[in-house]
């Protein structure tokens, strides 16, 4: 199934002029491809901006990382300032950290 124009616009990095900033929490809802997370809370669940396969980039200002307790397949530690890529697999409805 092809992506609709509105779904593509929601996740296409070229359509987002600035990254979003979200407080680190157990559940986050990114609205841009690149999201800067403040704080040190581990992310357990990400509300998908679209239900199709897509990738998100999270830049951690703290050391929270992602947990494997919600819709994230594998727990991964974060490094302050580095970007973590996550791919959403709609077949299993989970985000998979890249690498």
PDB file of N, CA and C in Angstrom:
ATOM      1  N   UNK A   1       0.835  -1.170   0.000  1.00  0.00           N
ATOM      2  CA  UNK A   1       0.000   0.000   0.000  1.00  0.00           C
ATOM      3  C   UNK A   1       0.885   1.240   0.000  1.00  0.00           C
ATOM      4  N   UNK A   2       0.727   2.122  -0.978  1.00  0.00           N
ATOM      5  CA  UNK A   2       1.553   3.334  -1.024  1.00  0.00           C
ATOM      6  C   UNK A   2       1.150   4.333   0.058  1.00  0.00           C
ATOM      7  N   UNK A   3       2.111   5.171   0.442  1.00  0.00           N
ATOM      8  CA  UNK A   3       1.835   6.218   1.419  1.00  0.00           C
ATOM      9  C   UNK A   3       1.024   7.327   0.775  1.00  0.00           C
ATOM     10  N   UNK A   4       0.091   7.869   1.523  1.00  0.00           N
ATOM     11  CA  UNK A   4      -0.641   9.036   1.048  1.00  0.00           C
ATOM     12  C   UNK A   4       0.258  10.254   1.177  1.00  0.00           C
ATOM     13  N   UNK A   5      -0.063  11.310   0.472  1.00  0.00           N
ATOM     14  CA  UNK A   5       0.745  12.533   0.533  1.00  0.00           C
ATOM     15  C   UNK A   5       0.798  13.081   1.956  1.00  0.00           C
ATOM     16  N   UNK A   6      -0.315  13.020   2.680  1.00  0.00           N
ATOM     17  CA  UNK A   6      -0.316  13.559   4.050  1.00  0.00           C
ATOM     18  C   UNK A   6       0.522  12.706   4.997  1.00  0.00           C
ATOM     19  N   UNK A   7       0.497  11.371   4.810  1.00  0.00           N
ATOM     20  CA  UNK A   7       1.348  10.504   5.634  1.00  0.00           C
ATOM     21  C   UNK A   7       2.817  10.749   5.323  1.00  0.00           C
ATOM     22  N   UNK A   8       3.144  10.880   4.054  1.00  0.00           N
ATOM     23  CA  UNK A   8       4.532  11.132   3.662  1.00  0.00           C
ATOM     24  C   UNK A   8       5.004  12.461   4.240  1.00  0.00           C
ATOM     25  N   UNK A   9       4.176  13.486   4.169  1.00  0.00           N
ATOM     26  CA  UNK A   9       4.547  14.801   4.698  1.00  0.00           C
ATOM     27  C   UNK A   9       4.807  14.736   6.201  1.00  0.00           C
ATOM     28  N   UNK A  10       4.098  13.849   6.902  1.00  0.00           N
ATOM     29  CA  UNK A  10       4.259  13.745   8.353  1.00  0.00           C
ATOM     30  C   UNK A  10       5.608  13.170   8.756  1.00  0.00           C
ATOM     31  N   UNK A  11       6.228  12.383   7.893  1.00  0.00           N
ATOM     32  CA  UNK A  11       7.483  11.724   8.285  1.00  0.00           C
ATOM     33  C   UNK A  11       8.662  12.087   7.400  1.00  0.00           C
ATOM     34  N   UNK A  12       8.465  12.882   6.369  1.00  0.00           N
ATOM     35  CA  UNK A  12       9.529  13.238   5.440  1.00  0.00           C
ATOM     36  C   UNK A  12      10.391  14.347   6.036  1.00  0.00           C
ATOM     37  N   UNK A  13      11.677  14.087   6.273  1.00  0.00           N
ATOM     38  CA  UNK A  13      12.530  15.096   6.907  1.00  0.00           C
ATOM     39  C   UNK A  13      12.590  16.414   6.144  1.00  0.00           C
ATOM     40  N   UNK A  14      12.470  16.396   4.807  1.00  0.00           N
ATOM     41  CA  UNK A  14      12.582  17.636   4.050  1.00  0.00           C
ATOM     42  C   UNK A  14      11.381  18.546   4.274  1.00  0.00           C
ATOM     43  N   UNK A  15      10.296  18.016   4.807  1.00  0.00           N
ATOM     44  CA  UNK A  15       9.116  18.836   5.067  1.00  0.00           C
ATOM     45  C   UNK A  15       9.122  19.429   6.468  1.00  0.00           C
ATOM     46  N   UNK A  16      10.075  19.088   7.267  1.00  0.00           N
ATOM     47  CA  UNK A  16      10.150  19.588   8.635  1.00  0.00           C
ATOM     48  C   UNK A  16      11.343  20.519   8.758  1.00  0.00           C
ATOM     49  N   UNK A  17      11.090  21.798   8.914  1.00  0.00           N
ATOM     50  CA  UNK A  17      12.178  22.752   8.920  1.00  0.00           C
ATOM     51  C   UNK A  17      12.992  22.731  10.207  1.00  0.00           C
ATOM     52  N   UNK A  18      12.397  22.328  11.292  1.00  0.00           N
ATOM     53  CA  UNK A  18      13.121  22.295  12.567  1.00  0.00           C
ATOM     54  C   UNK A  18      12.718  21.048  13.341  1.00  0.00           C
ATOM     55  N   UNK A  19      13.648  20.468  14.094  1.00  0.00           N
ATOM     56  CA  UNK A  19      13.276  19.307  14.902  1.00  0.00           C
ATOM     57  C   UNK A  19      12.330  19.701  16.024  1.00  0.00           C
ATOM     58  N   UNK A  20      11.504  18.760  16.419  1.00  0.00           N
ATOM     59  CA  UNK A  20      10.633  18.987  17.563  1.00  0.00           C
ATOM     60  C   UNK A  20      11.399  18.725  18.845  1.00  0.00           C
ATOM     61  N   UNK A  21      10.976  19.327  19.934  1.00  0.00           N
ATOM     62  CA  UNK A  21      11.567  19.088  21.245  1.00  0.00           C
ATOM     63  C   UNK A  21      10.472  18.560  22.162  1.00  0.00           C
ATOM     64  N   UNK A  22      10.757  17.436  22.817  1.00  0.00           N
ATOM     65  CA  UNK A  22       9.789  16.782  23.681  1.00  0.00           C
ATOM     66  C   UNK A  22      10.487  16.426  24.994  1.00  0.00           C
ATOM     67  N   UNK A  23       9.785  16.609  26.097  1.00  0.00           N
ATOM     68  CA  UNK A  23      10.321  16.168  27.378  1.00  0.00           C
ATOM     69  C   UNK A  23      10.359  14.645  27.390  1.00  0.00           C
ATOM     70  N   UNK A  24      11.472  14.097  27.807  1.00  0.00           N
ATOM     71  CA  UNK A  24      11.617  12.651  27.896  1.00  0.00           C
ATOM     72  C   UNK A  24      10.599  12.106  28.886  1.00  0.00           C
ATOM     73  N   UNK A  25       9.844  11.088  28.458  1.00  0.00           N
ATOM     74  CA  UNK A  25       8.799  10.497  29.296  1.00  0.00           C
ATOM     75  C   UNK A  25       8.617   9.046  28.898  1.00  0.00           C
ATOM     76  N   UNK A  26       7.867   8.291  29.666  1.00  0.00           N
ATOM     77  CA  UNK A  26       7.635   6.882  29.337  1.00  0.00           C
ATOM     78  C   UNK A  26       6.959   6.737  27.981  1.00  0.00           C
ATOM     79  N   UNK A  27       6.089   7.678  27.621  1.00  0.00           N
ATOM     80  CA  UNK A  27       5.429   7.682  26.321  1.00  0.00           C
ATOM     81  C   UNK A  27       5.649   9.031  25.659  1.00  0.00           C
ATOM     82  N   UNK A  28       6.091   9.004  24.407  1.00  0.00           N
ATOM     83  CA  UNK A  28       6.269  10.243  23.645  1.00  0.00           C
ATOM     84  C   UNK A  28       5.481  10.137  22.341  1.00  0.00           C
ATOM     85  N   UNK A  29       5.185  11.292  21.752  1.00  0.00           N
ATOM     86  CA  UNK A  29       4.459  11.354  20.484  1.00  0.00           C
ATOM     87  C   UNK A  29       5.173  12.328  19.555  1.00  0.00           C
ATOM     88  N   UNK A  30       6.235  11.873  18.870  1.00  0.00           N
ATOM     89  CA  UNK A  30       6.971  12.763  17.967  1.00  0.00           C
ATOM     90  C   UNK A  30       6.092  13.226  16.805  1.00  0.00           C
ATOM     91  N   UNK A  31       6.328  14.462  16.365  1.00  0.00           N
ATOM     92  CA  UNK A  31       5.592  14.996  15.224  1.00  0.00           C
ATOM     93  C   UNK A  31       6.514  15.372  14.071  1.00  0.00           C
ATOM     94  N   UNK A  32       7.809  15.202  14.267  1.00  0.00           N
ATOM     95  CA  UNK A  32       8.786  15.471  13.213  1.00  0.00           C
ATOM     96  C   UNK A  32       9.734  14.279  13.107  1.00  0.00           C
ATOM     97  N   UNK A  33      10.453  14.196  11.988  1.00  0.00           N
ATOM     98  CA  UNK A  33      11.411  13.104  11.807  1.00  0.00           C
ATOM     99  C   UNK A  33      12.453  13.115  12.921  1.00  0.00           C
ATOM    100  N   UNK A  34      13.049  14.278  13.175  1.00  0.00           N
ATOM    101  CA  UNK A  34      14.056  14.412  14.230  1.00  0.00           C
ATOM    102  C   UNK A  34      13.407  15.055  15.447  1.00  0.00           C
ATOM    103  N   UNK A  35      13.515  14.375  16.591  1.00  0.00           N
ATOM    104  CA  UNK A  35      12.974  14.882  17.838  1.00  0.00           C
ATOM    105  C   UNK A  35      14.077  14.926  18.885  1.00  0.00           C
ATOM    106  N   UNK A  36      14.242  16.078  19.522  1.00  0.00           N
ATOM    107  CA  UNK A  36      15.213  16.231  20.600  1.00  0.00           C
ATOM    108  C   UNK A  36      14.476  15.955  21.905  1.00  0.00           C
ATOM    109  N   UNK A  37      15.028  15.053  22.705  1.00  0.00           N
ATOM    110  CA  UNK A  37      14.419  14.673  23.984  1.00  0.00           C
ATOM    111  C   UNK A  37      15.201  15.284  25.129  1.00  0.00           C
ATOM    112  N   UNK A  38      14.496  15.992  26.005  1.00  0.00           N
ATOM    113  CA  UNK A  38      15.131  16.564  27.189  1.00  0.00           C
ATOM    114  C   UNK A  38      14.901  15.613  28.360  1.00  0.00           C
ATOM    115  N   UNK A  39      15.773  15.635  29.319  1.00  0.00           N
ATOM    116  CA  UNK A  39      15.605  14.804  30.503  1.00  0.00           C
ATOM    117  C   UNK A  39      16.258  13.438  30.381  1.00  0.00           C
ATOM    118  N   UNK A  40      16.039  12.595  31.406  1.00  0.00           N
ATOM    119  CA  UNK A  40      16.706  11.300  31.504  1.00  0.00           C
ATOM    120  C   UNK A  40      15.751  10.121  31.663  1.00  0.00           C
ATOM    121  N   UNK A  41      14.502  10.274  31.310  1.00  0.00           N
ATOM    122  CA  UNK A  41      13.523   9.196  31.456  1.00  0.00           C
ATOM    123  C   UNK A  41      13.621   8.260  30.254  1.00  0.00           C
ATOM    124  N   UNK A  42      13.644   6.955  30.508  1.00  0.00           N
ATOM    125  CA  UNK A  42      13.670   5.975  29.431  1.00  0.00           C
ATOM    126  C   UNK A  42      12.349   5.962  28.674  1.00  0.00           C
ATOM    127  N   UNK A  43      12.413   5.864  27.369  1.00  0.00           N
ATOM    128  CA  UNK A  43      11.229   5.844  26.512  1.00  0.00           C
ATOM    129  C   UNK A  43      10.759   4.396  26.377  1.00  0.00           C
ATOM    130  N   UNK A  44       9.501   4.121  26.746  1.00  0.00           N
ATOM    131  CA  UNK A  44       8.944   2.767  26.630  1.00  0.00           C
ATOM    132  C   UNK A  44       7.990   2.652  25.458  1.00  0.00           C
ATOM    133  N   UNK A  45       7.282   3.738  25.147  1.00  0.00           N
ATOM    134  CA  UNK A  45       6.281   3.710  24.085  1.00  0.00           C
ATOM    135  C   UNK A  45       6.383   4.977  23.246  1.00  0.00           C
ATOM    136  N   UNK A  46       6.330   4.793  21.939  1.00  0.00           N
ATOM    137  CA  UNK A  46       6.307   5.907  20.997  1.00  0.00           C
ATOM    138  C   UNK A  46       4.982   5.841  20.253  1.00  0.00           C
ATOM    139  N   UNK A  47       4.222   6.924  20.307  1.00  0.00           N
ATOM    140  CA  UNK A  47       2.978   6.989  19.546  1.00  0.00           C
ATOM    141  C   UNK A  47       3.348   7.241  18.090  1.00  0.00           C
ATOM    142  N   UNK A  48       3.084   6.283  17.188  1.00  0.00           N
ATOM    143  CA  UNK A  48       3.490   6.454  15.785  1.00  0.00           C
ATOM    144  C   UNK A  48       2.752   7.623  15.129  1.00  0.00           C
ATOM    145  N   UNK A  49       3.483   8.480  14.396  1.00  0.00           N
ATOM    146  CA  UNK A  49       2.818   9.581  13.686  1.00  0.00           C
ATOM    147  C   UNK A  49       1.993   9.071  12.497  1.00  0.00           C
ATOM    148  N   UNK A  50       2.353   7.912  11.957  1.00  0.00           N
ATOM    149  CA  UNK A  50       1.608   7.239  10.891  1.00  0.00           C
ATOM    150  C   UNK A  50       1.648   5.738  11.174  1.00  0.00           C
ATOM    151  N   UNK A  51       0.734   4.983  10.584  1.00  0.00           N
ATOM    152  CA  UNK A  51       0.678   3.548  10.851  1.00  0.00           C
ATOM    153  C   UNK A  51       1.459   2.716   9.828  1.00  0.00           C
ATOM    154  N   UNK A  52       2.097   3.374   8.868  1.00  0.00           N
ATOM    155  CA  UNK A  52       2.913   2.677   7.876  1.00  0.00           C
ATOM    156  C   UNK A  52       4.350   2.548   8.388  1.00  0.00           C
ATOM    157  N   UNK A  53       5.153   1.745   7.708  1.00  0.00           N
ATOM    158  CA  UNK A  53       6.570   1.648   8.044  1.00  0.00           C
ATOM    159  C   UNK A  53       7.207   3.035   7.885  1.00  0.00           C
ATOM    160  N   UNK A  54       8.031   3.414   8.852  1.00  0.00           N
ATOM    161  CA  UNK A  54       8.719   4.698   8.801  1.00  0.00           C
ATOM    162  C   UNK A  54       9.902   4.667   9.758  1.00  0.00           C
ATOM    163  N   UNK A  55      10.717   5.716   9.703  1.00  0.00           N
ATOM    164  CA  UNK A  55      11.864   5.826  10.593  1.00  0.00           C
ATOM    165  C   UNK A  55      11.796   7.163  11.321  1.00  0.00           C
ATOM    166  N   UNK A  56      12.172   7.138  12.591  1.00  0.00           N
ATOM    167  CA  UNK A  56      12.271   8.346  13.405  1.00  0.00           C
ATOM    168  C   UNK A  56      13.698   8.467  13.929  1.00  0.00           C
ATOM    169  N   UNK A  57      14.120   9.694  14.174  1.00  0.00           N
ATOM    170  CA  UNK A  57      15.432   9.966  14.756  1.00  0.00           C
ATOM    171  C   UNK A  57      15.209  10.671  16.090  1.00  0.00           C
ATOM    172  N   UNK A  58      15.807  10.128  17.153  1.00  0.00           N
ATOM    173  CA  UNK A  58      15.707  10.729  18.478  1.00  0.00           C
ATOM    174  C   UNK A  58      17.092  11.173  18.932  1.00  0.00           C
ATOM    175  N   UNK A  59      17.211  12.450  19.305  1.00  0.00           N
ATOM    176  CA  UNK A  59      18.468  12.954  19.852  1.00  0.00           C
ATOM    177  C   UNK A  59      18.258  13.170  21.340  1.00  0.00           C
ATOM    178  N   UNK A  60      19.036  12.467  22.128  1.00  0.00           N
ATOM    179  CA  UNK A  60      18.879  12.497  23.578  1.00  0.00           C
ATOM    180  C   UNK A  60      19.756  13.578  24.202  1.00  0.00           C
ATOM    181  N   UNK A  61      19.139  14.457  24.997  1.00  0.00           N
ATOM    182  CA  UNK A  61      19.897  15.447  25.752  1.00  0.00           C
ATOM    183  C   UNK A  61      20.355  14.843  27.072  1.00  0.00           C
ATOM    184  N   UNK A  62      19.749  13.703  27.455  1.00  0.00           N
ATOM    185  CA  UNK A  62      20.114  12.989  28.675  1.00  0.00           C
ATOM    186  C   UNK A  62      20.480  11.553  28.349  1.00  0.00           C
ATOM    187  N   UNK A  63      20.380  10.696  29.345  1.00  0.00           N
ATOM    188  CA  UNK A  63      20.824   9.306  29.167  1.00  0.00           C
ATOM    189  C   UNK A  63      19.687   8.309  29.347  1.00  0.00           C
ATOM    190  N   UNK A  64      18.481   8.677  28.958  1.00  0.00           N
ATOM    191  CA  UNK A  64      17.326   7.807  29.168  1.00  0.00           C
ATOM    192  C   UNK A  64      17.297   6.553  28.324  1.00  0.00           C
ATOM    193  N   UNK A  65      17.572   6.671  27.042  1.00  0.00           N
ATOM    194  CA  UNK A  65      17.517   5.525  26.148  1.00  0.00           C
ATOM    195  C   UNK A  65      16.104   5.046  25.898  1.00  0.00           C
ATOM    196  N   UNK A  66      15.986   3.869  25.284  1.00  0.00           N
ATOM    197  CA  UNK A  66      14.673   3.278  25.026  1.00  0.00           C
ATOM    198  C   UNK A  66      14.583   1.935  25.740  1.00  0.00           C
ATOM    199  N   UNK A  67      13.379   1.622  26.191  1.00  0.00           N
ATOM    200  CA  UNK A  67      13.120   0.397  26.950  1.00  0.00           C
ATOM    201  C   UNK A  67      12.321  -0.575  26.095  1.00  0.00           C
ATOM    202  N   UNK A  68      12.406  -1.852  26.388  1.00  0.00           N
ATOM    203  CA  UNK A  68      11.677  -2.880  25.640  1.00  0.00           C
ATOM    204  C   UNK A  68      10.405  -3.285  26.372  1.00  0.00           C
ATOM    205  N   UNK A  69       9.699  -2.311  26.935  1.00  0.00           N
ATOM    206  CA  UNK A  69       8.510  -2.640  27.710  1.00  0.00           C
ATOM    207  C   UNK A  69       7.210  -2.202  27.047  1.00  0.00           C
ATOM    208  N   UNK A  70       7.267  -1.376  26.042  1.00  0.00           N
ATOM    209  CA  UNK A  70       6.064  -0.905  25.348  1.00  0.00           C
ATOM    210  C   UNK A  70       6.088  -1.376  23.911  1.00  0.00           C
ATOM    211  N   UNK A  71       6.127  -0.414  22.980  1.00  0.00           N
ATOM    212  CA  UNK A  71       6.156  -0.781  21.565  1.00  0.00           C
ATOM    213  C   UNK A  71       7.548  -0.617  20.947  1.00  0.00           C
ATOM    214  N   UNK A  72       8.580  -0.833  21.754  1.00  0.00           N
ATOM    215  CA  UNK A  72       9.963  -0.819  21.275  1.00  0.00           C
ATOM    216  C   UNK A  72      10.512  -2.227  21.455  1.00  0.00           C
ATOM    217  N   UNK A  73      11.059  -2.784  20.383  1.00  0.00           N
ATOM    218  CA  UNK A  73      11.450  -4.190  20.393  1.00  0.00           C
ATOM    219  C   UNK A  73      12.647  -4.479  21.289  1.00  0.00           C
ATOM    220  N   UNK A  74      13.661  -3.606  21.252  1.00  0.00           N
ATOM    221  CA  UNK A  74      14.905  -3.880  21.959  1.00  0.00           C
ATOM    222  C   UNK A  74      15.331  -2.676  22.791  1.00  0.00           C
ATOM    223  N   UNK A  75      15.695  -2.897  24.023  1.00  0.00           N
ATOM    224  CA  UNK A  75      16.206  -1.816  24.864  1.00  0.00           C
ATOM    225  C   UNK A  75      17.575  -1.383  24.347  1.00  0.00           C
ATOM    226  N   UNK A  76      17.777  -0.064  24.303  1.00  0.00           N
ATOM    227  CA  UNK A  76      19.046   0.481  23.825  1.00  0.00           C
ATOM    228  C   UNK A  76      19.394   1.701  24.659  1.00  0.00           C
ATOM    229  N   UNK A  77      20.626   1.745  25.142  1.00  0.00           N
ATOM    230  CA  UNK A  77      21.081   2.899  25.920  1.00  0.00           C
ATOM    231  C   UNK A  77      21.347   4.073  24.977  1.00  0.00           C
ATOM    232  N   UNK A  78      21.125   5.274  25.489  1.00  0.00           N
ATOM    233  CA  UNK A  78      21.416   6.463  24.690  1.00  0.00           C
ATOM    234  C   UNK A  78      22.730   7.076  25.143  1.00  0.00           C
ATOM    235  N   UNK A  79      23.308   7.864  24.254  1.00  0.00           N
ATOM    236  CA  UNK A  79      24.510   8.632  24.560  1.00  0.00           C
ATOM    237  C   UNK A  79      24.137  10.095  24.374  1.00  0.00           C
ATOM    238  N   UNK A  80      24.431  10.919  25.356  1.00  0.00           N
ATOM    239  CA  UNK A  80      24.063  12.328  25.305  1.00  0.00           C
ATOM    240  C   UNK A  80      24.547  12.955  24.003  1.00  0.00           C
ATOM    241  N   UNK A  81      23.626  13.592  23.288  1.00  0.00           N
ATOM    242  CA  UNK A  81      23.960  14.302  22.065  1.00  0.00           C
ATOM    243  C   UNK A  81      23.906  13.472  20.795  1.00  0.00           C
ATOM    244  N   UNK A  82      23.961  12.153  20.906  1.00  0.00           N
ATOM    245  CA  UNK A  82      23.918  11.323  19.713  1.00  0.00           C
ATOM    246  C   UNK A  82      22.480  11.047  19.298  1.00  0.00           C
ATOM    247  N   UNK A  83      22.310  10.719  18.005  1.00  0.00           N
ATOM    248  CA  UNK A  83      20.994  10.440  17.452  1.00  0.00           C
ATOM    249  C   UNK A  83      20.781   8.932  17.363  1.00  0.00           C
ATOM    250  N   UNK A  84      19.611   8.480  17.800  1.00  0.00           N
ATOM    251  CA  UNK A  84      19.230   7.078  17.685  1.00  0.00           C
ATOM    252  C   UNK A  84      18.139   6.987  16.611  1.00  0.00           C
ATOM    253  N   UNK A  85      18.319   6.086  15.650  1.00  0.00           N
ATOM    254  CA  UNK A  85      17.313   5.854  14.619  1.00  0.00           C
ATOM    255  C   UNK A  85      16.458   4.655  15.011  1.00  0.00           C
ATOM    256  N   UNK A  86      15.159   4.770  14.787  1.00  0.00           N
ATOM    257  CA  UNK A  86      14.225   3.677  15.064  1.00  0.00           C
ATOM    258  C   UNK A  86      13.324   3.492  13.848  1.00  0.00           C
ATOM    259  N   UNK A  87      13.166   2.249  13.429  1.00  0.00           N
ATOM    260  CA  UNK A  87      12.301   1.915  12.293  1.00  0.00           C
ATOM    261  C   UNK A  87      11.037   1.277  12.838  1.00  0.00           C
ATOM    262  N   UNK A  88       9.874   1.758  12.360  1.00  0.00           N
ATOM    263  CA  UNK A  88       8.594   1.198  12.795  1.00  0.00           C
ATOM    264  C   UNK A  88       8.201   0.062  11.864  1.00  0.00           C
ATOM    265  N   UNK A  89       7.972  -1.120  12.452  1.00  0.00           N
ATOM    266  CA  UNK A  89       7.527  -2.289  11.703  1.00  0.00           C
ATOM    267  C   UNK A  89       6.041  -2.472  11.988  1.00  0.00           C
ATOM    268  N   UNK A  90       5.166  -2.133  11.024  1.00  0.00           N
ATOM    269  CA  UNK A  90       3.730  -2.235  11.290  1.00  0.00           C
ATOM    270  C   UNK A  90       3.238  -3.675  11.446  1.00  0.00           C
ATOM    271  N   UNK A  91       3.982  -4.658  10.953  1.00  0.00           N
ATOM    272  CA  UNK A  91       3.580  -6.059  11.103  1.00  0.00           C
ATOM    273  C   UNK A  91       3.581  -6.493  12.568  1.00  0.00           C
ATOM    274  N   UNK A  92       4.533  -5.981  13.336  1.00  0.00           N
ATOM    275  CA  UNK A  92       4.602  -6.325  14.759  1.00  0.00           C
ATOM    276  C   UNK A  92       4.220  -5.138  15.648  1.00  0.00           C
ATOM    277  N   UNK A  93       3.959  -3.991  15.020  1.00  0.00           N
ATOM    278  CA  UNK A  93       3.571  -2.746  15.700  1.00  0.00           C
ATOM    279  C   UNK A  93       4.593  -2.353  16.767  1.00  0.00           C
ATOM    280  N   UNK A  94       5.875  -2.427  16.363  1.00  0.00           N
ATOM    281  CA  UNK A  94       6.952  -2.047  17.278  1.00  0.00           C
ATOM    282  C   UNK A  94       8.018  -1.254  16.526  1.00  0.00           C
ATOM    283  N   UNK A  95       8.728  -0.415  17.286  1.00  0.00           N
ATOM    284  CA  UNK A  95       9.890   0.286  16.766  1.00  0.00           C
ATOM    285  C   UNK A  95      11.122  -0.586  17.015  1.00  0.00           C
ATOM    286  N   UNK A  96      11.997  -0.628  16.036  1.00  0.00           N
ATOM    287  CA  UNK A  96      13.219  -1.409  16.125  1.00  0.00           C
ATOM    288  C   UNK A  96      14.402  -0.442  16.036  1.00  0.00           C
ATOM    289  N   UNK A  97      15.220  -0.344  17.084  1.00  0.00           N
ATOM    290  CA  UNK A  97      16.404   0.528  17.014  1.00  0.00           C
ATOM    291  C   UNK A  97      17.362   0.041  15.912  1.00  0.00           C
ATOM    292  N   UNK A  98      17.919   0.983  15.164  1.00  0.00           N
ATOM    293  CA  UNK A  98      18.858   0.665  14.092  1.00  0.00           C
ATOM    294  C   UNK A  98      20.231   0.450  14.700  1.00  0.00           C
ATOM    295  N   UNK A  99      20.913  -0.597  14.265  1.00  0.00           N
ATOM    296  CA  UNK A  99      22.270  -0.839  14.711  1.00  0.00           C
ATOM    297  C   UNK A  99      22.311  -1.890  15.703  1.00  0.00           C
TER     298      UNK A  99
END
